[in-house]
N, C-alpha and C. Protein backbone atom coordinates (compact mmCIF):
# COMPACT_ATOMS: atom_id res chain seq x y z
N MET A 1 -19.92 -16.31 -39.57
CA MET A 1 -19.98 -15.28 -38.99
C MET A 1 -19.85 -15.38 -37.56
N ARG A 2 -20.16 -17.01 -37.32
CA ARG A 2 -19.82 -17.60 -35.66
C ARG A 2 -18.11 -17.33 -35.26
N ALA A 3 -17.64 -17.93 -36.44
CA ALA A 3 -16.17 -18.23 -36.17
C ALA A 3 -15.55 -17.29 -36.01
N ALA A 4 -16.11 -16.13 -36.64
CA ALA A 4 -15.12 -14.46 -36.38
C ALA A 4 -15.68 -14.19 -35.43
N ARG A 5 -17.03 -13.71 -34.74
CA ARG A 5 -17.45 -13.56 -33.42
C ARG A 5 -16.49 -14.38 -32.22
N LEU A 6 -16.21 -15.54 -32.39
CA LEU A 6 -15.58 -16.50 -31.27
C LEU A 6 -13.93 -16.01 -31.55
N GLU A 7 -13.54 -15.62 -32.56
CA GLU A 7 -12.30 -15.36 -32.90
C GLU A 7 -12.20 -13.71 -31.77
N LYS A 8 -12.98 -13.11 -32.17
CA LYS A 8 -12.92 -11.33 -31.61
C LYS A 8 -13.06 -11.99 -29.82
N GLN A 9 -13.73 -12.28 -29.40
CA GLN A 9 -14.12 -12.73 -28.17
C GLN A 9 -12.45 -13.41 -27.48
N LEU A 10 -11.79 -14.34 -28.38
CA LEU A 10 -10.48 -14.73 -27.60
C LEU A 10 -9.92 -13.55 -27.43
N LYS A 11 -9.67 -12.67 -29.04
CA LYS A 11 -8.89 -11.73 -29.06
C LYS A 11 -8.90 -10.87 -27.58
N ALA A 12 -10.45 -10.60 -27.30
CA ALA A 12 -10.47 -9.27 -26.10
C ALA A 12 -9.94 -10.17 -24.92
N ARG A 13 -10.22 -11.42 -24.63
CA ARG A 13 -9.76 -12.60 -23.46
C ARG A 13 -8.30 -12.10 -23.47
N TRP A 14 -7.66 -12.14 -24.47
CA TRP A 14 -6.27 -12.62 -24.50
C TRP A 14 -5.61 -10.69 -24.00
N ALA A 15 -6.53 -10.10 -24.59
CA ALA A 15 -5.96 -8.59 -24.18
C ALA A 15 -6.47 -8.12 -22.79
N LEU A 16 -7.32 -8.84 -22.16
CA LEU A 16 -7.35 -8.80 -20.87
C LEU A 16 -6.26 -9.54 -19.82
N GLU A 17 -6.23 -10.53 -20.37
CA GLU A 17 -5.39 -11.36 -19.81
C GLU A 17 -3.96 -10.89 -19.65
N GLU A 18 -3.73 -10.24 -20.80
CA GLU A 18 -2.29 -9.62 -21.03
C GLU A 18 -2.52 -8.21 -20.17
N LEU A 19 -3.47 -7.53 -19.74
CA LEU A 19 -3.44 -6.50 -19.40
C LEU A 19 -3.33 -6.78 -17.75
N ILE A 20 -3.90 -7.72 -17.49
CA ILE A 20 -3.82 -7.98 -15.94
C ILE A 20 -2.49 -8.29 -15.23
N GLU A 21 -2.13 -9.39 -16.23
CA GLU A 21 -0.56 -9.88 -16.29
C GLU A 21 0.31 -8.67 -16.07
N GLU A 22 0.22 -7.67 -16.99
CA GLU A 22 1.16 -6.57 -16.73
C GLU A 22 0.99 -5.81 -15.83
N GLN A 23 -0.46 -5.41 -15.14
CA GLN A 23 -0.57 -4.61 -13.69
C GLN A 23 0.12 -5.19 -12.74
N LEU A 24 -0.56 -6.55 -12.79
CA LEU A 24 0.06 -7.66 -11.82
C LEU A 24 1.44 -7.53 -11.77
N ASN A 25 2.09 -7.58 -12.73
CA ASN A 25 3.86 -7.72 -12.58
C ASN A 25 4.19 -6.36 -12.40
N ARG A 26 3.45 -5.27 -12.47
CA ARG A 26 4.16 -3.92 -12.14
C ARG A 26 3.95 -4.04 -10.57
N PHE A 27 2.91 -4.05 -9.85
CA PHE A 27 2.38 -4.01 -8.62
C PHE A 27 3.60 -5.21 -7.92
N ASN A 28 3.72 -5.97 -8.65
CA ASN A 28 4.85 -7.22 -7.74
C ASN A 28 6.03 -6.49 -7.73
N ALA A 29 6.44 -5.76 -8.94
CA ALA A 29 7.86 -5.12 -8.99
C ALA A 29 7.63 -4.19 -8.09
N LEU A 30 7.04 -3.71 -7.79
CA LEU A 30 6.66 -2.54 -6.81
C LEU A 30 6.97 -2.81 -5.32
N TYR A 31 5.95 -3.49 -5.11
CA TYR A 31 6.04 -4.20 -3.41
C TYR A 31 7.11 -5.07 -3.19
N ASN A 32 7.86 -6.03 -4.40
CA ASN A 32 8.73 -7.43 -4.04
C ASN A 32 9.61 -6.30 -4.16
N GLN A 33 10.13 -5.16 -4.64
CA GLN A 33 11.64 -4.74 -4.93
C GLN A 33 12.54 -4.91 -3.76
N LYS A 34 13.56 -5.11 -4.22
CA LYS A 34 14.81 -5.51 -2.95
C LYS A 34 14.97 -4.05 -2.55
N THR A 35 14.79 -3.83 -0.86
CA THR A 35 15.39 -2.48 -0.15
C THR A 35 16.51 -2.99 0.56
N MET A 36 17.10 -1.92 0.52
CA MET A 36 18.41 -2.21 1.26
C MET A 36 17.99 -2.00 2.54
N VAL A 37 18.93 -2.97 3.24
CA VAL A 37 18.92 -2.90 5.17
C VAL A 37 19.30 -1.36 5.15
N PRO A 38 18.49 -1.02 6.21
CA PRO A 38 19.25 0.43 6.88
C PRO A 38 19.99 0.29 7.88
N THR A 39 21.11 1.14 7.48
CA THR A 39 22.23 0.73 8.61
C THR A 39 22.39 2.15 9.67
N ARG A 40 21.99 3.35 8.94
CA ARG A 40 21.95 4.55 9.83
C ARG A 40 20.19 5.02 10.28
N LEU A 41 20.26 5.77 11.34
CA LEU A 41 19.15 6.27 12.14
C LEU A 41 18.26 6.85 10.62
N LYS A 42 19.28 7.82 9.56
CA LYS A 42 18.49 8.73 8.77
C LYS A 42 17.99 7.57 7.72
N ASP A 43 18.51 6.47 7.72
CA ASP A 43 18.31 5.47 6.46
C ASP A 43 16.41 4.92 6.68
N VAL A 44 16.00 5.41 8.12
CA VAL A 44 14.87 4.91 8.29
C VAL A 44 13.64 5.62 8.40
N SER A 45 13.61 6.73 7.81
CA SER A 45 12.52 7.57 7.58
C SER A 45 11.90 7.26 6.26
N PRO A 46 13.16 7.11 4.90
CA PRO A 46 12.76 7.48 4.07
C PRO A 46 11.95 5.89 3.66
N ILE A 47 11.95 5.27 4.47
CA ILE A 47 10.98 3.74 4.29
C ILE A 47 9.47 4.34 4.86
N PHE A 48 9.50 4.60 5.71
CA PHE A 48 8.27 5.01 6.06
C PHE A 48 7.55 6.37 5.33
N MET A 49 8.41 7.09 4.94
CA MET A 49 8.05 8.40 3.92
C MET A 49 9.00 8.67 2.81
N PRO A 50 8.57 7.87 1.49
CA PRO A 50 9.49 7.86 0.40
C PRO A 50 9.52 9.25 0.07
N LYS A 51 10.67 9.26 -0.52
CA LYS A 51 11.32 10.88 -1.07
C LYS A 51 10.26 10.91 -2.20
N GLY A 52 10.39 11.92 -2.56
CA GLY A 52 9.78 12.76 -3.94
C GLY A 52 7.80 12.07 -3.24
N SER A 53 7.25 12.10 -2.41
CA SER A 53 5.93 11.78 -2.26
C SER A 53 5.64 13.22 -1.48
N PRO A 54 4.62 14.03 -2.30
CA PRO A 54 4.31 15.19 -1.19
C PRO A 54 3.58 14.86 0.04
N ALA A 55 3.49 16.19 0.75
CA ALA A 55 2.81 15.92 2.28
C ALA A 55 1.36 14.98 2.00
N HIS A 56 0.68 15.77 1.05
CA HIS A 56 -0.89 15.20 1.07
C HIS A 56 -0.83 14.05 0.52
N GLU A 57 0.23 13.39 -0.24
CA GLU A 57 0.09 11.80 -0.85
C GLU A 57 0.51 11.05 0.60
N LEU A 58 1.53 11.59 1.53
CA LEU A 58 1.91 10.73 2.31
C LEU A 58 0.51 10.21 3.15
N ALA A 59 -0.36 10.96 3.03
CA ALA A 59 -1.26 10.34 3.97
C ALA A 59 -2.16 9.37 3.75
N THR A 60 -1.96 8.62 2.30
CA THR A 60 -2.38 7.90 1.67
C THR A 60 -1.76 6.62 1.92
N LEU A 61 -0.16 6.88 2.12
CA LEU A 61 1.13 6.04 2.71
C LEU A 61 1.19 5.80 3.74
N ALA A 62 0.14 5.79 5.06
CA ALA A 62 0.35 5.64 6.12
C ALA A 62 0.24 5.00 6.63
N TRP A 63 0.76 3.48 5.79
CA TRP A 63 0.88 2.12 7.12
C TRP A 63 1.97 1.50 6.34
N LEU A 64 3.47 2.12 7.00
CA LEU A 64 4.56 1.58 6.96
C LEU A 64 4.98 1.35 5.06
N GLY A 65 4.76 3.42 5.11
CA GLY A 65 5.25 3.32 3.67
C GLY A 65 4.44 3.02 2.14
N ASP A 66 3.18 2.58 2.84
CA ASP A 66 2.71 2.71 1.26
C ASP A 66 0.83 2.59 1.63
N TRP A 67 0.13 2.20 0.80
CA TRP A 67 -1.50 1.70 1.27
C TRP A 67 -1.72 0.58 2.22
N ARG A 68 -2.47 0.52 3.34
CA ARG A 68 -3.00 -0.39 3.88
C ARG A 68 -3.53 -1.31 3.39
N PRO A 69 -3.10 -2.48 2.83
CA PRO A 69 -3.63 -3.68 2.29
C PRO A 69 -5.09 -3.87 2.50
N SER A 70 -6.02 -3.66 4.09
CA SER A 70 -7.16 -3.73 3.76
C SER A 70 -8.00 -2.36 3.07
N ALA A 71 -7.07 -1.16 2.98
CA ALA A 71 -7.75 0.07 2.55
C ALA A 71 -7.82 -0.33 1.03
N ILE A 72 -7.13 -1.19 0.53
CA ILE A 72 -6.88 -1.74 -1.57
C ILE A 72 -8.67 -2.42 -1.20
N LEU A 73 -8.68 -3.55 -0.13
CA LEU A 73 -9.88 -3.87 -0.31
C LEU A 73 -11.32 -2.98 -0.45
N ASP A 74 -11.00 -2.66 0.79
CA ASP A 74 -12.41 -0.76 0.83
C ASP A 74 -12.82 -0.61 -0.51
N LEU A 75 -11.58 0.02 -1.07
CA LEU A 75 -11.73 0.79 -2.20
C LEU A 75 -12.75 -0.44 -3.12
N LEU A 76 -11.99 -1.32 -3.10
CA LEU A 76 -12.97 -1.94 -4.15
C LEU A 76 -14.65 -2.54 -3.56
N CYS A 77 -14.62 -2.68 -2.15
CA CYS A 77 -16.18 -2.21 -1.72
C CYS A 77 -16.74 -1.57 -2.60
N SER A 78 -15.84 0.00 -2.41
CA SER A 78 -16.60 1.34 -2.53
C SER A 78 -17.35 0.79 -4.09
N LEU A 79 -16.16 0.55 -4.62
CA LEU A 79 -16.28 0.34 -6.16
C LEU A 79 -17.74 -0.60 -6.76
N ALA A 80 -17.67 -1.66 -5.75
CA ALA A 80 -18.66 -2.82 -6.05
C ALA A 80 -20.13 -2.25 -6.10
N ARG A 81 -20.23 -1.62 -5.07
CA ARG A 81 -21.51 -0.76 -4.61
C ARG A 81 -21.63 0.51 -5.44
N SER A 82 -20.88 0.68 -6.33
CA SER A 82 -21.27 1.62 -7.68
C SER A 82 -21.44 0.88 -8.89
N THR A 83 -22.59 -0.05 -9.02
CA THR A 83 -22.66 -1.14 -10.17
C THR A 83 -21.86 -0.34 -11.53
N SER A 84 -21.98 0.98 -11.61
CA SER A 84 -21.36 1.06 -13.14
C SER A 84 -20.33 0.75 -13.30
N SER A 85 -19.42 0.75 -12.02
CA SER A 85 -18.03 0.42 -12.18
C SER A 85 -17.43 -0.80 -12.46
N LEU A 86 -18.44 -1.80 -12.22
CA LEU A 86 -18.47 -3.25 -12.45
C LEU A 86 -19.45 -3.66 -13.34
N SER A 87 -18.85 -4.89 -13.88
CA SER A 87 -19.74 -5.28 -14.80
C SER A 87 -20.36 -6.33 -14.45
N SER A 88 -20.34 -6.84 -13.49
CA SER A 88 -21.08 -8.01 -12.91
C SER A 88 -22.84 -8.06 -12.19
N SER A 89 -23.22 -8.53 -11.99
CA SER A 89 -24.67 -8.55 -11.60
C SER A 89 -24.93 -7.98 -10.25
N LEU A 90 -26.01 -7.55 -9.54
CA LEU A 90 -26.29 -7.27 -8.55
C LEU A 90 -26.13 -8.37 -7.56
N SER A 91 -26.83 -9.51 -8.37
CA SER A 91 -26.42 -10.74 -7.39
C SER A 91 -25.21 -11.02 -7.05
N ASP A 92 -24.33 -11.16 -7.91
CA ASP A 92 -22.65 -11.22 -8.32
C ASP A 92 -22.30 -10.01 -7.48
N ILE A 93 -22.61 -8.86 -7.20
CA ILE A 93 -21.92 -7.78 -6.35
C ILE A 93 -22.26 -8.09 -5.10
N ALA A 94 -23.47 -8.46 -4.67
CA ALA A 94 -23.65 -8.74 -3.21
C ALA A 94 -22.64 -10.29 -2.28
N ASN A 95 -22.72 -11.16 -3.52
CA ASN A 95 -21.66 -12.17 -3.27
C ASN A 95 -20.31 -11.47 -3.16
N ILE A 96 -19.94 -10.72 -4.23
CA ILE A 96 -18.47 -9.69 -3.95
C ILE A 96 -18.44 -9.42 -2.51
N GLU A 97 -19.49 -8.55 -2.42
CA GLU A 97 -19.29 -8.02 -0.95
C GLU A 97 -19.30 -8.79 0.18
N ARG A 98 -19.70 -10.01 0.14
CA ARG A 98 -19.68 -10.90 0.73
C ARG A 98 -18.33 -11.53 1.39
N ILE A 99 -17.88 -11.68 0.18
CA ILE A 99 -16.49 -12.52 -0.04
C ILE A 99 -15.49 -11.21 0.76
N LEU A 100 -15.63 -9.95 0.19
CA LEU A 100 -14.61 -9.16 0.69
C LEU A 100 -14.59 -8.58 1.91
N ASN A 101 -15.51 -8.71 2.91
CA ASN A 101 -15.99 -8.45 4.52
C ASN A 101 -15.20 -9.93 5.06
N GLN A 102 -15.08 -10.86 4.46
CA GLN A 102 -14.37 -11.86 5.06
C GLN A 102 -12.44 -11.53 4.94
N LEU A 103 -12.94 -11.27 3.70
CA LEU A 103 -11.32 -11.01 3.17
C LEU A 103 -10.82 -9.86 3.93
N ILE A 104 -11.10 -8.80 4.35
CA ILE A 104 -11.36 -7.58 5.13
C ILE A 104 -10.32 -8.12 6.40
N HIS A 105 -11.17 -8.52 6.88
CA HIS A 105 -11.27 -9.21 8.13
C HIS A 105 -9.85 -9.86 8.30
N ASP A 106 -10.13 -10.79 7.25
CA ASP A 106 -8.39 -12.01 7.58
C ASP A 106 -7.22 -10.77 7.36
N ILE A 107 -7.32 -10.14 6.47
CA ILE A 107 -6.15 -9.05 6.10
C ILE A 107 -6.05 -8.19 7.47
N ARG A 108 -6.81 -8.20 7.79
CA ARG A 108 -6.96 -6.84 9.27
C ARG A 108 -6.03 -7.46 10.25
N ILE A 109 -6.42 -8.66 10.57
CA ILE A 109 -5.19 -9.45 11.58
C ILE A 109 -4.31 -9.50 10.93
N GLU A 110 -3.90 -9.86 9.98
CA GLU A 110 -2.44 -10.02 9.82
C GLU A 110 -1.53 -8.52 9.70
N GLU A 111 -2.66 -7.41 8.97
CA GLU A 111 -2.33 -5.64 9.54
C GLU A 111 -1.40 -5.98 10.94
N ALA A 112 -2.75 -6.40 11.91
CA ALA A 112 -2.28 -6.28 13.35
C ALA A 112 -1.33 -7.10 14.08
N VAL A 113 -0.73 -7.88 13.23
CA VAL A 113 0.19 -8.87 13.72
C VAL A 113 1.74 -8.30 13.20
N ILE A 114 1.37 -7.42 12.15
CA ILE A 114 2.63 -6.83 11.70
C ILE A 114 2.36 -5.66 12.52
N ASP A 115 1.19 -4.61 12.61
CA ASP A 115 1.45 -3.69 13.36
C ASP A 115 2.46 -3.91 15.30
N GLU A 116 2.08 -4.98 15.38
CA GLU A 116 2.70 -5.48 17.20
C GLU A 116 4.23 -5.80 16.64
N GLU A 117 4.70 -6.18 15.81
CA GLU A 117 6.03 -6.38 15.41
C GLU A 117 6.67 -5.07 15.76
N MET A 118 5.77 -4.15 14.69
CA MET A 118 6.61 -2.82 14.64
C MET A 118 6.50 -2.33 15.88
N THR A 119 5.47 -2.17 16.78
CA THR A 119 5.69 -1.38 17.96
C THR A 119 6.37 -1.83 18.53
N GLU A 120 6.78 -3.37 18.69
CA GLU A 120 7.73 -4.18 19.65
C GLU A 120 9.23 -4.13 19.49
N ILE A 121 9.40 -3.37 18.12
CA ILE A 121 10.60 -2.96 17.71
C ILE A 121 11.04 -1.20 18.07
N GLN A 122 9.89 -0.33 18.29
CA GLN A 122 10.00 0.79 18.34
C GLN A 122 10.17 0.89 19.95
N ALA A 123 9.25 0.20 20.78
CA ALA A 123 9.24 0.12 22.44
C ALA A 123 11.07 -0.31 22.61
N THR A 124 11.56 -1.30 21.77
CA THR A 124 12.71 -1.59 21.94
C THR A 124 13.69 -0.75 21.77
N CYS A 125 13.80 -0.18 20.64
CA CYS A 125 14.56 0.97 20.43
C CYS A 125 14.48 2.36 21.36
N ILE A 126 13.23 2.64 21.99
CA ILE A 126 13.26 3.77 22.46
C ILE A 126 13.49 3.67 23.88
N LEU A 127 13.65 2.69 24.32
CA LEU A 127 14.12 2.08 25.77
C LEU A 127 15.35 1.98 25.92
N HIS A 128 16.23 1.97 24.90
CA HIS A 128 17.88 1.92 24.44
C HIS A 128 18.37 3.01 23.98
N LEU A 129 17.46 3.94 23.75
CA LEU A 129 18.00 5.24 23.47
C LEU A 129 18.60 5.99 24.42
N PRO A 130 19.81 7.18 24.24
CA PRO A 130 20.15 7.74 25.21
C PRO A 130 19.23 8.36 26.50
N PHE A 131 18.16 8.52 25.56
CA PHE A 131 17.10 9.55 26.70
C PHE A 131 16.21 8.36 28.04
N ALA A 132 16.40 7.26 27.58
CA ALA A 132 15.95 6.28 28.29
C ALA A 132 16.55 6.15 29.42
N PRO A 133 15.49 5.68 30.86
CA PRO A 133 16.66 5.54 32.12
C PRO A 133 17.90 4.54 31.80
N ILE A 134 18.91 4.63 32.88
CA ILE A 134 19.99 3.96 33.13
C ILE A 134 19.50 2.62 32.92
N LYS A 135 19.19 2.10 34.14
CA LYS A 135 18.79 0.76 33.98
C LYS A 135 18.00 0.10 33.23
N ASN A 136 17.29 1.02 32.02
CA ASN A 136 16.95 -0.39 31.13
C ASN A 136 17.63 -0.23 29.89
N ARG A 137 18.92 0.33 30.02
CA ARG A 137 20.08 -0.44 28.79
C ARG A 137 20.69 -0.80 29.13
N LEU A 138 21.11 -1.54 27.79
CA LEU A 138 22.37 -2.40 27.66
C LEU A 138 23.05 -2.01 27.62
N ASP A 139 24.62 -3.10 28.19
CA ASP A 139 25.64 -2.40 28.30
C ASP A 139 26.26 -2.30 27.06
N GLY A 140 27.14 -0.93 26.75
CA GLY A 140 27.65 -0.80 25.42
C GLY A 140 26.71 0.22 24.99
N PRO A 141 27.44 0.59 23.47
CA PRO A 141 26.95 1.75 22.83
C PRO A 141 25.33 1.58 22.85
N ALA A 142 24.27 2.92 22.98
CA ALA A 142 22.94 2.17 22.54
C ALA A 142 22.94 2.20 21.83
N LEU A 143 23.37 3.28 20.59
CA LEU A 143 23.01 3.12 19.16
C LEU A 143 23.35 2.32 18.58
N ALA A 144 23.81 1.39 18.72
CA ALA A 144 25.02 0.16 17.88
C ALA A 144 23.87 -0.91 18.73
N PHE A 145 22.94 -0.96 19.47
CA PHE A 145 22.10 -1.83 19.79
C PHE A 145 20.72 -1.53 18.60
N VAL A 146 20.86 0.14 19.09
CA VAL A 146 19.48 0.18 17.97
C VAL A 146 19.32 -0.18 16.68
N GLN A 147 20.52 0.13 16.34
CA GLN A 147 20.91 0.12 14.67
C GLN A 147 21.18 -2.05 14.62
N SER A 148 21.16 -2.69 15.27
CA SER A 148 20.91 -3.94 15.23
C SER A 148 19.22 -4.47 15.42
N GLU A 149 18.74 -3.67 15.67
CA GLU A 149 17.18 -3.57 15.12
C GLU A 149 16.49 -3.06 14.04
N PHE A 150 17.50 -2.92 13.01
CA PHE A 150 17.26 -2.09 11.94
C PHE A 150 16.78 -3.37 10.91
N LYS A 151 17.22 -4.80 11.02
CA LYS A 151 16.87 -5.35 10.25
C LYS A 151 15.64 -5.97 10.65
N LYS A 152 15.54 -5.96 11.71
CA LYS A 152 13.90 -6.40 12.26
C LYS A 152 12.85 -5.37 11.44
N ILE A 153 13.10 -4.46 11.30
CA ILE A 153 12.18 -3.02 10.51
C ILE A 153 12.37 -3.48 9.08
N HIS A 154 13.52 -3.96 8.54
CA HIS A 154 13.43 -4.68 7.30
C HIS A 154 12.77 -5.72 7.04
N ARG A 155 12.23 -6.51 7.75
CA ARG A 155 11.72 -7.70 7.72
C ARG A 155 10.43 -7.40 7.91
N VAL A 156 9.86 -6.64 8.51
CA VAL A 156 8.74 -6.15 9.13
C VAL A 156 8.04 -5.58 7.87
N ILE A 157 8.97 -4.30 6.95
CA ILE A 157 8.41 -3.91 5.51
C ILE A 157 8.41 -4.83 4.61
N THR A 158 9.22 -5.64 4.51
CA THR A 158 9.11 -6.71 3.73
C THR A 158 7.52 -7.80 4.01
N LYS A 159 7.28 -7.87 4.84
CA LYS A 159 6.10 -8.53 5.11
C LYS A 159 5.09 -7.93 4.75
N ALA A 160 4.88 -6.40 5.14
CA ALA A 160 3.86 -5.42 4.67
C ALA A 160 3.73 -5.21 3.33
N GLN A 161 4.91 -5.52 2.50
CA GLN A 161 4.77 -5.00 1.01
C GLN A 161 4.11 -6.60 0.29
N LYS A 162 4.21 -7.67 1.26
CA LYS A 162 4.17 -9.00 0.70
C LYS A 162 2.88 -8.90 0.83
N LEU A 163 2.03 -8.61 1.64
CA LEU A 163 0.64 -8.60 2.33
C LEU A 163 -0.08 -7.70 1.35
N ARG A 164 0.09 -6.48 0.99
CA ARG A 164 0.15 -5.68 -0.15
C ARG A 164 -0.20 -6.41 -1.57
N PHE A 165 0.42 -6.97 -1.70
CA PHE A 165 0.30 -7.77 -3.16
C PHE A 165 -0.56 -8.53 -3.01
N LYS A 166 -0.61 -9.80 -1.91
CA LYS A 166 -1.45 -10.18 -1.53
C LYS A 166 -2.93 -10.12 -2.06
N ALA A 167 -3.14 -8.85 -1.00
CA ALA A 167 -4.71 -8.10 -1.19
C ALA A 167 -5.14 -7.76 -2.72
N LEU A 168 -3.98 -7.47 -3.75
CA LEU A 168 -4.43 -7.48 -4.75
C LEU A 168 -4.72 -9.05 -5.36
N GLN A 169 -3.89 -9.58 -5.45
CA GLN A 169 -3.66 -11.17 -5.85
C GLN A 169 -5.10 -11.53 -5.65
N LEU A 170 -5.68 -11.56 -4.28
CA LEU A 170 -6.87 -12.06 -3.83
C LEU A 170 -7.80 -11.64 -4.63
N VAL A 171 -7.76 -9.97 -4.91
CA VAL A 171 -8.96 -9.47 -5.83
C VAL A 171 -9.26 -9.62 -6.88
N VAL A 172 -7.93 -10.23 -7.64
CA VAL A 172 -7.67 -10.70 -9.12
C VAL A 172 -7.93 -11.69 -9.28
N LYS A 173 -7.46 -12.66 -8.51
CA LYS A 173 -7.47 -14.42 -8.63
C LYS A 173 -9.12 -14.78 -8.10
N LYS A 174 -9.29 -14.46 -6.96
CA LYS A 174 -10.26 -14.91 -6.40
C LYS A 174 -11.94 -14.14 -5.89
N VAL A 175 -11.60 -13.14 -6.12
CA VAL A 175 -12.99 -12.05 -5.91
C VAL A 175 -13.70 -11.73 -7.33
N LEU A 176 -12.73 -11.47 -8.55
CA LEU A 176 -13.61 -10.49 -9.75
C LEU A 176 -13.44 -11.74 -10.82
N ASN A 177 -14.44 -11.37 -11.36
CA ASN A 177 -13.93 -12.10 -12.87
C ASN A 177 -12.93 -11.25 -13.45
N GLN A 178 -12.73 -11.77 -15.02
CA GLN A 178 -11.47 -11.44 -15.54
C GLN A 178 -11.55 -9.78 -15.99
N THR A 179 -12.55 -9.42 -16.73
CA THR A 179 -13.34 -7.91 -16.76
C THR A 179 -13.08 -7.20 -15.86
N ASP A 180 -13.60 -7.51 -14.99
CA ASP A 180 -13.56 -6.51 -13.51
C ASP A 180 -12.39 -6.16 -12.87
N ALA A 181 -11.65 -7.52 -12.52
CA ALA A 181 -10.45 -7.64 -12.55
C ALA A 181 -9.54 -6.36 -12.82
N ALA A 182 -9.77 -6.26 -14.52
CA ALA A 182 -8.74 -5.99 -15.35
C ALA A 182 -9.30 -3.90 -14.81
N LYS A 183 -10.55 -3.62 -14.72
CA LYS A 183 -11.16 -2.91 -14.30
C LYS A 183 -10.63 -2.22 -12.98
N PHE A 184 -10.65 -3.21 -12.38
CA PHE A 184 -10.22 -2.46 -10.65
C PHE A 184 -8.88 -2.24 -10.88
N LEU A 185 -7.49 -2.69 -11.57
CA LEU A 185 -6.05 -2.57 -11.25
C LEU A 185 -5.95 -1.49 -12.42
N VAL A 186 -6.82 -1.20 -13.39
CA VAL A 186 -6.55 -0.08 -14.11
C VAL A 186 -7.08 1.63 -12.80
N ALA A 187 -8.54 1.14 -12.39
CA ALA A 187 -8.56 2.25 -11.41
C ALA A 187 -7.77 2.65 -10.32
N PHE A 188 -7.49 1.54 -10.02
CA PHE A 188 -6.27 1.42 -8.59
C PHE A 188 -5.22 2.24 -9.27
N ALA A 189 -4.54 1.85 -10.16
CA ALA A 189 -3.56 2.80 -10.68
C ALA A 189 -3.81 4.08 -10.99
N ARG A 190 -5.08 4.46 -11.63
CA ARG A 190 -5.34 5.65 -12.07
C ARG A 190 -5.50 6.58 -10.38
N ILE A 191 -6.05 5.98 -9.37
CA ILE A 191 -6.50 6.43 -8.16
C ILE A 191 -5.15 6.80 -7.80
N GLN A 192 -4.18 6.21 -7.94
CA GLN A 192 -2.97 6.46 -7.03
C GLN A 192 -1.97 7.78 -8.07
N ASP A 193 -1.87 8.01 -9.67
CA ASP A 193 -1.59 8.60 -10.14
C ASP A 193 -2.30 10.08 -9.54
N LEU A 194 -3.54 9.73 -9.74
CA LEU A 194 -4.44 11.47 -9.38
C LEU A 194 -4.25 11.97 -8.00
N ILE A 195 -3.95 11.07 -7.16
CA ILE A 195 -3.81 11.57 -5.38
C ILE A 195 -2.16 11.98 -5.80
N HIS A 196 -1.25 11.49 -6.64
CA HIS A 196 0.23 12.09 -6.65
C HIS A 196 0.02 13.17 -7.37
N GLN A 197 -0.71 13.48 -8.30
CA GLN A 197 -0.82 14.68 -8.98
C GLN A 197 -1.52 15.95 -8.27
N PHE A 198 -2.79 15.35 -7.41
CA PHE A 198 -3.41 16.57 -6.58
C PHE A 198 -2.29 16.87 -5.93
N ALA A 199 -1.70 16.16 -4.99
CA ALA A 199 -0.64 16.45 -3.69
C ALA A 199 0.26 16.97 -4.69
N THR A 200 1.41 17.06 -5.72
CA THR A 200 2.35 17.83 -6.41
C THR A 200 1.55 19.40 -6.52
N GLN A 201 0.40 19.38 -7.28
CA GLN A 201 -0.01 20.67 -7.76
C GLN A 201 -0.41 21.12 -6.57
N HIS A 202 -1.04 20.70 -5.55
CA HIS A 202 -1.22 21.76 -3.85
C HIS A 202 0.07 21.65 -3.68
N LYS A 203 0.99 20.83 -3.89
CA LYS A 203 2.46 21.53 -3.19
C LYS A 203 3.10 22.97 -3.70
N LEU A 204 2.91 22.62 -5.07
CA LEU A 204 3.37 23.65 -6.02
C LEU A 204 2.69 25.51 -5.92
N ARG A 205 1.44 24.85 -5.52
CA ARG A 205 0.26 26.28 -5.05
C ARG A 205 0.51 26.59 -3.99
N LYS A 206 1.07 26.00 -3.04
CA LYS A 206 1.14 26.68 -1.39
C LYS A 206 2.36 27.30 -1.59
N GLY A 207 3.77 27.27 -2.07
CA GLY A 207 4.42 28.42 -2.51
C GLY A 207 5.01 28.57 -0.57
N PRO A 208 5.86 29.83 -0.57
CA PRO A 208 6.38 29.71 0.61
C PRO A 208 5.30 30.75 1.60
N VAL A 209 5.89 30.04 2.86
CA VAL A 209 4.67 30.38 3.99
C VAL A 209 4.99 31.91 4.26
N SER A 210 4.14 32.51 4.28
CA SER A 210 4.57 34.23 4.74
C SER A 210 3.20 35.07 5.92
N VAL A 211 4.28 35.32 6.84
CA VAL A 211 3.38 35.98 7.70
C VAL A 211 3.25 37.63 7.73
N PRO A 212 1.79 37.87 7.96
CA PRO A 212 1.55 39.49 7.57
C PRO A 212 2.09 40.32 8.74
N VAL A 213 2.48 41.10 9.04
CA VAL A 213 3.11 42.30 9.68
C VAL A 213 2.55 43.41 9.79
N LYS A 214 2.05 44.16 11.24
CA LYS A 214 1.03 45.32 11.22
C LYS A 214 2.43 46.39 10.94
N ALA A 215 2.13 47.38 10.40
CA ALA A 215 3.00 48.38 10.65
C ALA A 215 3.04 49.31 11.63
N PRO A 216 3.59 49.61 12.96
CA PRO A 216 3.58 50.26 13.90
C PRO A 216 2.89 51.28 13.82
C-alpha cells in the first residue's frame, strides 16, 4: 500500500514537472523568438501593437508590445491574497508576498532602465525628423539617420522580452512551490486567452460606426 501511494505521488510530481517545463518552454519561445530588425518606419508599429490583437487586448500589451513584467508579479500577488488559488498555507503566503514585493521593486528598476533607453531613442528620432528645427538635424537625409536607430529599438524590445521571461522564471523557481507554480502558469495562460477572447468578441459586437441624422 505504501509503495503504491509513493508511486502515485511520484507520478503526480513528474506530471507537475512536465506541465511546468511545457509552459516555461512555451513562454520562452514566445518571449525569445527572433524578431526581424525593422528597416522601415512602418515595420516599427507592429512591434508595439501586434497584428491580430484587438484594441481592448492591446490595453494589456501596453509595455513594448506585451505584458509589463511587474504586472505579471502583481497578478501573482492578487492570486496569493486569494488563498483558494494557491495550496500554500497562510504563513507561506505572507512570506510569498514579502518576496514578491522585493522582486516587484527590483523588476521595476529594470523596467525603468529600459523605458529610459526607449525614451532616448524616441527623442533622438524626433529631433532628426523633417519637422525638427534645422539646427538640430544631422547632415544627410533625416530618414536615413532615423532608420539607423531601428537596431537600437530591436535591442530594447529584446531586453523587454527577456525581462518578461525572467519574471516568470523567478515566480516558478524562486517564489512558489511546484504545485502553486503549475497553478500560476496555467492561470496566467488562461487569463491571456480570456482577455483575447473578450477583446475579439467585443470587436465583433461593436460593428461599423453609425451616426444618426435628424430628418429636416
